[in-house]
Amino acid sequence: MANSWQLESGQEYDPEKFYTRSKDKQGHSSTLRINLPDYLMANLAELVQSKAIPAYRTREDFVRDAIVHRYAWVVDQLQNTTLATHFEAERQRLNIIEDAARRLAESEENSQLLESLRTVCDRYMADRSWDLLKDYLQLQEETVNLLPRAYQDTFRNLCTQYWSVLPEAFKMHEQLWGN
């Protein structure tokens, strides 16, 4: 356990000791107010009333003792880097999961966007709505830079395929309708 920190001047931590005093040797203390779940409060009250551990005269005695022991454990873990390493590894793992989830969501959104482009353009072509197709493609060109770089080329290539249809379509339209 942690023995590199001292509780009070000259007093080192002892994992076997009960730390229940509410004031230091100079009579100083600070107040800490905490809320605990009802079941824990009831368990603490039962423990204190049982007098099974005479050092615990009140629930507060138990809490003070628990804080000192947990603090000693945390300090020890940090000194040994076990806990710090664990938390860093956990943080990295969560970052990887978050990044993968974000990429998957982006991938799905961008795949849906490409599919939407195909669907709308194919519908305009089937309806021979060339002006609408042209306007839609122009609008898409304005928004392509908002996509992640990995999708911009695919999106541009798809738009280019549909743009290539338009000159012939307009020629046919003029020949048929004389406009």
C-alpha atoms as a PDB file:
ATOM      1  CA  MET A   1       0.000   0.000   0.000  1.00  0.00           C
ATOM      2  CA  ALA A   2       0.952   3.620  -0.205  1.00  0.00           C
ATOM      3  CA  ASN A   3       3.522   4.562   2.354  1.00  0.00           C
ATOM      4  CA  SER A   4       5.128   7.528   0.620  1.00  0.00           C
ATOM      5  CA  TRP A   5       2.548  10.007   1.882  1.00  0.00           C
ATOM      6  CA  GLN A   6       1.920  10.920   5.454  1.00  0.00           C
ATOM      7  CA  LEU A   7      -1.389  11.443   7.185  1.00  0.00           C
ATOM      8  CA  GLU A   8       0.015  13.889   9.709  1.00  0.00           C
ATOM      9  CA  SER A   9       3.537  15.010  10.426  1.00  0.00           C
ATOM     10  CA  GLY A  10       5.527  11.933  11.352  1.00  0.00           C
ATOM     11  CA  GLN A  11       2.604   9.502  10.960  1.00  0.00           C
ATOM     12  CA  GLU A  12       2.734   7.081   8.042  1.00  0.00           C
ATOM     13  CA  TYR A  13      -0.177   5.162   6.620  1.00  0.00           C
ATOM     14  CA  ASP A  14      -0.933   1.778   8.157  1.00  0.00           C
ATOM     15  CA  PRO A  15      -3.419  -0.402   6.268  1.00  0.00           C
ATOM     16  CA  GLU A  16      -4.361  -2.200   9.501  1.00  0.00           C
ATOM     17  CA  LYS A  17      -5.267   0.947  11.397  1.00  0.00           C
ATOM     18  CA  PHE A  18      -8.720   2.532  11.730  1.00  0.00           C
ATOM     19  CA  TYR A  19      -8.704   6.223  10.783  1.00  0.00           C
ATOM     20  CA  THR A  20     -11.763   7.663  12.488  1.00  0.00           C
ATOM     21  CA  ARG A  21     -10.580  10.919  14.057  1.00  0.00           C
ATOM     22  CA  SER A  22     -12.431  13.979  12.839  1.00  0.00           C
ATOM     23  CA  LYS A  23      -9.625  16.438  13.703  1.00  0.00           C
ATOM     24  CA  ASP A  24      -5.881  16.481  13.331  1.00  0.00           C
ATOM     25  CA  LYS A  25      -3.508  16.852  16.315  1.00  0.00           C
ATOM     26  CA  GLN A  26      -3.901  20.622  16.174  1.00  0.00           C
ATOM     27  CA  GLY A  27      -7.691  20.344  16.322  1.00  0.00           C
ATOM     28  CA  HIS A  28      -8.206  21.354  12.682  1.00  0.00           C
ATOM     29  CA  SER A  29     -10.781  19.820  10.381  1.00  0.00           C
ATOM     30  CA  SER A  30     -12.885  20.604   7.316  1.00  0.00           C
ATOM     31  CA  THR A  31     -16.424  19.623   6.540  1.00  0.00           C
ATOM     32  CA  LEU A  32     -17.309  17.382   3.623  1.00  0.00           C
ATOM     33  CA  ARG A  33     -20.967  16.858   2.885  1.00  0.00           C
ATOM     34  CA  ILE A  34     -21.914  13.822   0.809  1.00  0.00           C
ATOM     35  CA  ASN A  35     -25.080  12.018  -0.127  1.00  0.00           C
ATOM     36  CA  LEU A  36     -25.229   8.244  -0.010  1.00  0.00           C
ATOM     37  CA  PRO A  37     -27.876   5.814  -1.227  1.00  0.00           C
ATOM     38  CA  ASP A  38     -30.443   4.852   1.403  1.00  0.00           C
ATOM     39  CA  TYR A  39     -29.396   1.191   1.416  1.00  0.00           C
ATOM     40  CA  LEU A  40     -25.791   2.167   2.197  1.00  0.00           C
ATOM     41  CA  MET A  41     -26.870   4.518   4.978  1.00  0.00           C
ATOM     42  CA  ALA A  42     -28.978   1.708   6.453  1.00  0.00           C
ATOM     43  CA  ASN A  43     -26.072  -0.752   6.204  1.00  0.00           C
ATOM     44  CA  LEU A  44     -23.720   1.720   7.887  1.00  0.00           C
ATOM     45  CA  ALA A  45     -26.224   2.373  10.673  1.00  0.00           C
ATOM     46  CA  GLU A  46     -26.605  -1.370  11.224  1.00  0.00           C
ATOM     47  CA  LEU A  47     -22.817  -1.841  11.327  1.00  0.00           C
ATOM     48  CA  VAL A  48     -22.353   0.968  13.859  1.00  0.00           C
ATOM     49  CA  GLN A  49     -25.244  -0.214  16.048  1.00  0.00           C
ATOM     50  CA  SER A  50     -23.903  -3.765  16.061  1.00  0.00           C
ATOM     51  CA  LYS A  51     -20.663  -2.532  17.679  1.00  0.00           C
ATOM     52  CA  ALA A  52     -18.892  -5.327  15.782  1.00  0.00           C
ATOM     53  CA  ILE A  53     -16.026  -2.905  15.183  1.00  0.00           C
ATOM     54  CA  PRO A  54     -15.689  -0.652  18.241  1.00  0.00           C
ATOM     55  CA  ALA A  55     -13.643   1.912  16.284  1.00  0.00           C
ATOM     56  CA  TYR A  56     -16.765   2.755  14.279  1.00  0.00           C
ATOM     57  CA  ARG A  57     -18.809   4.737  16.787  1.00  0.00           C
ATOM     58  CA  THR A  58     -20.692   6.631  14.051  1.00  0.00           C
ATOM     59  CA  ARG A  59     -21.326   6.322  10.335  1.00  0.00           C
ATOM     60  CA  GLU A  60     -19.000   9.272   9.896  1.00  0.00           C
ATOM     61  CA  ASP A  61     -16.185   7.295  11.555  1.00  0.00           C
ATOM     62  CA  PHE A  62     -16.622   4.584   8.948  1.00  0.00           C
ATOM     63  CA  VAL A  63     -16.663   7.120   6.092  1.00  0.00           C
ATOM     64  CA  ARG A  64     -13.476   8.842   7.343  1.00  0.00           C
ATOM     65  CA  ASP A  65     -11.735   5.488   7.597  1.00  0.00           C
ATOM     66  CA  ALA A  66     -12.926   4.433   4.146  1.00  0.00           C
ATOM     67  CA  ILE A  67     -11.704   7.691   2.596  1.00  0.00           C
ATOM     68  CA  VAL A  68      -8.224   7.325   4.096  1.00  0.00           C
ATOM     69  CA  HIS A  69      -7.897   3.714   2.925  1.00  0.00           C
ATOM     70  CA  ARG A  70      -9.194   4.415  -0.597  1.00  0.00           C
ATOM     71  CA  TYR A  71      -6.985   7.473  -0.861  1.00  0.00           C
ATOM     72  CA  ALA A  72      -3.968   5.370   0.129  1.00  0.00           C
ATOM     73  CA  TRP A  73      -4.881   2.771  -2.487  1.00  0.00           C
ATOM     74  CA  VAL A  74      -5.276   5.390  -5.247  1.00  0.00           C
ATOM     75  CA  VAL A  75      -1.961   7.067  -4.367  1.00  0.00           C
ATOM     76  CA  ASP A  76      -0.260   3.674  -4.441  1.00  0.00           C
ATOM     77  CA  GLN A  77      -1.794   2.818  -7.807  1.00  0.00           C
ATOM     78  CA  LEU A  78      -0.764   6.157  -9.265  1.00  0.00           C
ATOM     79  CA  GLN A  79       2.762   5.757  -7.977  1.00  0.00           C
ATOM     80  CA  ASN A  80       2.965   2.330  -9.532  1.00  0.00           C
ATOM     81  CA  THR A  81       1.315   3.727 -12.678  1.00  0.00           C
ATOM     82  CA  THR A  82      -1.034   0.759 -12.657  1.00  0.00           C
ATOM     83  CA  LEU A  83      -4.137   2.869 -12.306  1.00  0.00           C
ATOM     84  CA  ALA A  84      -2.848   5.668 -14.537  1.00  0.00           C
ATOM     85  CA  THR A  85      -1.899   3.145 -17.212  1.00  0.00           C
ATOM     86  CA  HIS A  86      -5.300   1.507 -16.915  1.00  0.00           C
ATOM     87  CA  PHE A  87      -7.139   4.819 -17.258  1.00  0.00           C
ATOM     88  CA  GLU A  88      -4.987   5.883 -20.201  1.00  0.00           C
ATOM     89  CA  ALA A  89      -5.562   2.547 -21.935  1.00  0.00           C
ATOM     90  CA  GLU A  90      -9.286   2.844 -21.265  1.00  0.00           C
ATOM     91  CA  ARG A  91      -9.324   6.406 -22.615  1.00  0.00           C
ATOM     92  CA  GLN A  92      -7.517   5.282 -25.757  1.00  0.00           C
ATOM     93  CA  ARG A  93      -9.891   2.333 -26.179  1.00  0.00           C
ATOM     94  CA  LEU A  94     -12.902   4.622 -25.859  1.00  0.00           C
ATOM     95  CA  ASN A  95     -11.379   7.066 -28.370  1.00  0.00           C
ATOM     96  CA  ILE A  96     -10.879   4.229 -30.853  1.00  0.00           C
ATOM     97  CA  ILE A  97     -14.469   3.038 -30.395  1.00  0.00           C
ATOM     98  CA  GLU A  98     -15.786   6.607 -30.714  1.00  0.00           C
ATOM     99  CA  ASP A  99     -13.710   7.208 -33.849  1.00  0.00           C
ATOM    100  CA  ALA A 100     -14.869   3.930 -35.415  1.00  0.00           C
ATOM    101  CA  ALA A 101     -18.508   4.761 -34.621  1.00  0.00           C
ATOM    102  CA  ARG A 102     -18.098   8.244 -36.117  1.00  0.00           C
ATOM    103  CA  ARG A 103     -16.490   6.834 -39.265  1.00  0.00           C
ATOM    104  CA  LEU A 104     -19.220   4.230 -39.603  1.00  0.00           C
ATOM    105  CA  ALA A 105     -21.911   6.881 -39.213  1.00  0.00           C
ATOM    106  CA  GLU A 106     -20.177   9.105 -41.766  1.00  0.00           C
ATOM    107  CA  SER A 107     -19.777   6.166 -44.117  1.00  0.00           C
ATOM    108  CA  GLU A 108     -23.459   5.279 -43.851  1.00  0.00           C
ATOM    109  CA  GLU A 109     -24.522   8.923 -44.273  1.00  0.00           C
ATOM    110  CA  ASN A 110     -22.266   9.408 -47.283  1.00  0.00           C
ATOM    111  CA  SER A 111     -23.382   6.121 -48.846  1.00  0.00           C
ATOM    112  CA  GLN A 112     -26.969   7.284 -48.401  1.00  0.00           C
ATOM    113  CA  LEU A 113     -26.069  10.628 -49.964  1.00  0.00           C
ATOM    114  CA  LEU A 114     -24.538   8.898 -53.013  1.00  0.00           C
ATOM    115  CA  GLU A 115     -27.579   6.660 -53.312  1.00  0.00           C
ATOM    116  CA  SER A 116     -29.851   9.696 -53.038  1.00  0.00           C
ATOM    117  CA  LEU A 117     -27.894  11.412 -55.838  1.00  0.00           C
ATOM    118  CA  ARG A 118     -28.334   8.349 -58.059  1.00  0.00           C
ATOM    119  CA  THR A 119     -32.035   8.040 -57.246  1.00  0.00           C
ATOM    120  CA  VAL A 120     -32.864  11.700 -57.928  1.00  0.00           C
ATOM    121  CA  CYS A 121     -30.782  11.893 -61.099  1.00  0.00           C
ATOM    122  CA  ASP A 122     -32.184   8.610 -62.443  1.00  0.00           C
ATOM    123  CA  ARG A 123     -35.721   9.827 -61.745  1.00  0.00           C
ATOM    124  CA  TYR A 124     -35.110  13.121 -63.582  1.00  0.00           C
ATOM    125  CA  MET A 125     -33.598  11.201 -66.506  1.00  0.00           C
ATOM    126  CA  ALA A 126     -36.502   8.750 -66.641  1.00  0.00           C
ATOM    127  CA  ASP A 127     -38.948  11.683 -66.607  1.00  0.00           C
ATOM    128  CA  ARG A 128     -36.755  13.525 -69.158  1.00  0.00           C
ATOM    129  CA  SER A 129     -36.701  16.463 -66.755  1.00  0.00           C
ATOM    130  CA  TRP A 130     -33.400  17.781 -68.093  1.00  0.00           C
ATOM    131  CA  ASP A 131     -33.695  21.255 -66.618  1.00  0.00           C
ATOM    132  CA  LEU A 132     -34.366  19.808 -63.175  1.00  0.00           C
ATOM    133  CA  LEU A 133     -31.430  17.422 -63.579  1.00  0.00           C
ATOM    134  CA  LYS A 134     -29.159  20.308 -64.553  1.00  0.00           C
ATOM    135  CA  ASP A 135     -30.318  22.443 -61.604  1.00  0.00           C
ATOM    136  CA  TYR A 136     -29.941  19.527 -59.202  1.00  0.00           C
ATOM    137  CA  LEU A 137     -26.398  18.769 -60.404  1.00  0.00           C
ATOM    138  CA  GLN A 138     -25.445  22.432 -60.045  1.00  0.00           C
ATOM    139  CA  LEU A 139     -26.727  22.400 -56.479  1.00  0.00           C
ATOM    140  CA  GLN A 140     -24.749  19.231 -55.760  1.00  0.00           C
ATOM    141  CA  GLU A 141     -21.560  20.837 -57.090  1.00  0.00           C
ATOM    142  CA  GLU A 142     -21.967  23.608 -54.542  1.00  0.00           C
ATOM    143  CA  THR A 143     -22.209  21.143 -51.651  1.00  0.00           C
ATOM    144  CA  VAL A 144     -19.613  18.525 -52.649  1.00  0.00           C
ATOM    145  CA  ASN A 145     -16.855  20.315 -50.709  1.00  0.00           C
ATOM    146  CA  LEU A 146     -18.796  19.752 -47.494  1.00  0.00           C
ATOM    147  CA  LEU A 147     -18.254  15.998 -47.809  1.00  0.00           C
ATOM    148  CA  PRO A 148     -15.231  14.227 -46.309  1.00  0.00           C
ATOM    149  CA  ARG A 149     -12.374  14.099 -48.813  1.00  0.00           C
ATOM    150  CA  ALA A 150     -12.708  10.339 -49.204  1.00  0.00           C
ATOM    151  CA  TYR A 151     -16.176  10.815 -50.726  1.00  0.00           C
ATOM    152  CA  GLN A 152     -15.611  13.991 -52.746  1.00  0.00           C
ATOM    153  CA  ASP A 153     -13.985  12.221 -55.724  1.00  0.00           C
ATOM    154  CA  THR A 154     -16.649   9.502 -55.820  1.00  0.00           C
ATOM    155  CA  PHE A 155     -19.386  12.121 -55.611  1.00  0.00           C
ATOM    156  CA  ARG A 156     -17.779  14.300 -58.322  1.00  0.00           C
ATOM    157  CA  ASN A 157     -17.306  11.297 -60.630  1.00  0.00           C
ATOM    158  CA  LEU A 158     -20.948  10.357 -60.233  1.00  0.00           C
ATOM    159  CA  CYS A 159     -22.059  13.932 -60.953  1.00  0.00           C
ATOM    160  CA  THR A 160     -19.781  13.984 -64.020  1.00  0.00           C
ATOM    161  CA  GLN A 161     -21.472  10.844 -65.348  1.00  0.00           C
ATOM    162  CA  TYR A 162     -24.851  12.549 -65.105  1.00  0.00           C
ATOM    163  CA  TRP A 163     -23.522  15.825 -66.557  1.00  0.00           C
ATOM    164  CA  SER A 164     -22.270  13.882 -69.586  1.00  0.00           C
ATOM    165  CA  VAL A 165     -25.850  12.842 -70.383  1.00  0.00           C
ATOM    166  CA  LEU A 166     -27.159  16.416 -70.524  1.00  0.00           C
ATOM    167  CA  PRO A 167     -25.680  17.753 -73.816  1.00  0.00           C
ATOM    168  CA  GLU A 168     -27.151  14.862 -75.785  1.00  0.00           C
ATOM    169  CA  ALA A 169     -30.422  15.167 -73.934  1.00  0.00           C
ATOM    170  CA  PHE A 170     -30.681  18.882 -74.717  1.00  0.00           C
ATOM    171  CA  LYS A 171     -29.838  18.221 -78.378  1.00  0.00           C
ATOM    172  CA  MET A 172     -32.559  15.580 -78.606  1.00  0.00           C
ATOM    173  CA  HIS A 173     -35.000  17.910 -76.843  1.00  0.00           C
ATOM    174  CA  GLU A 174     -34.263  20.705 -79.325  1.00  0.00           C
ATOM    175  CA  GLN A 175     -34.627  18.355 -82.288  1.00  0.00           C
ATOM    176  CA  LEU A 176     -37.924  16.984 -81.019  1.00  0.00           C
ATOM    177  CA  TRP A 177     -39.469  20.201 -79.813  1.00  0.00           C
ATOM    178  CA  GLY A 178     -37.624  22.844 -81.807  1.00  0.00           C
ATOM    179  CA  ASN A 179     -36.659  24.934 -78.770  1.00  0.00           C
END
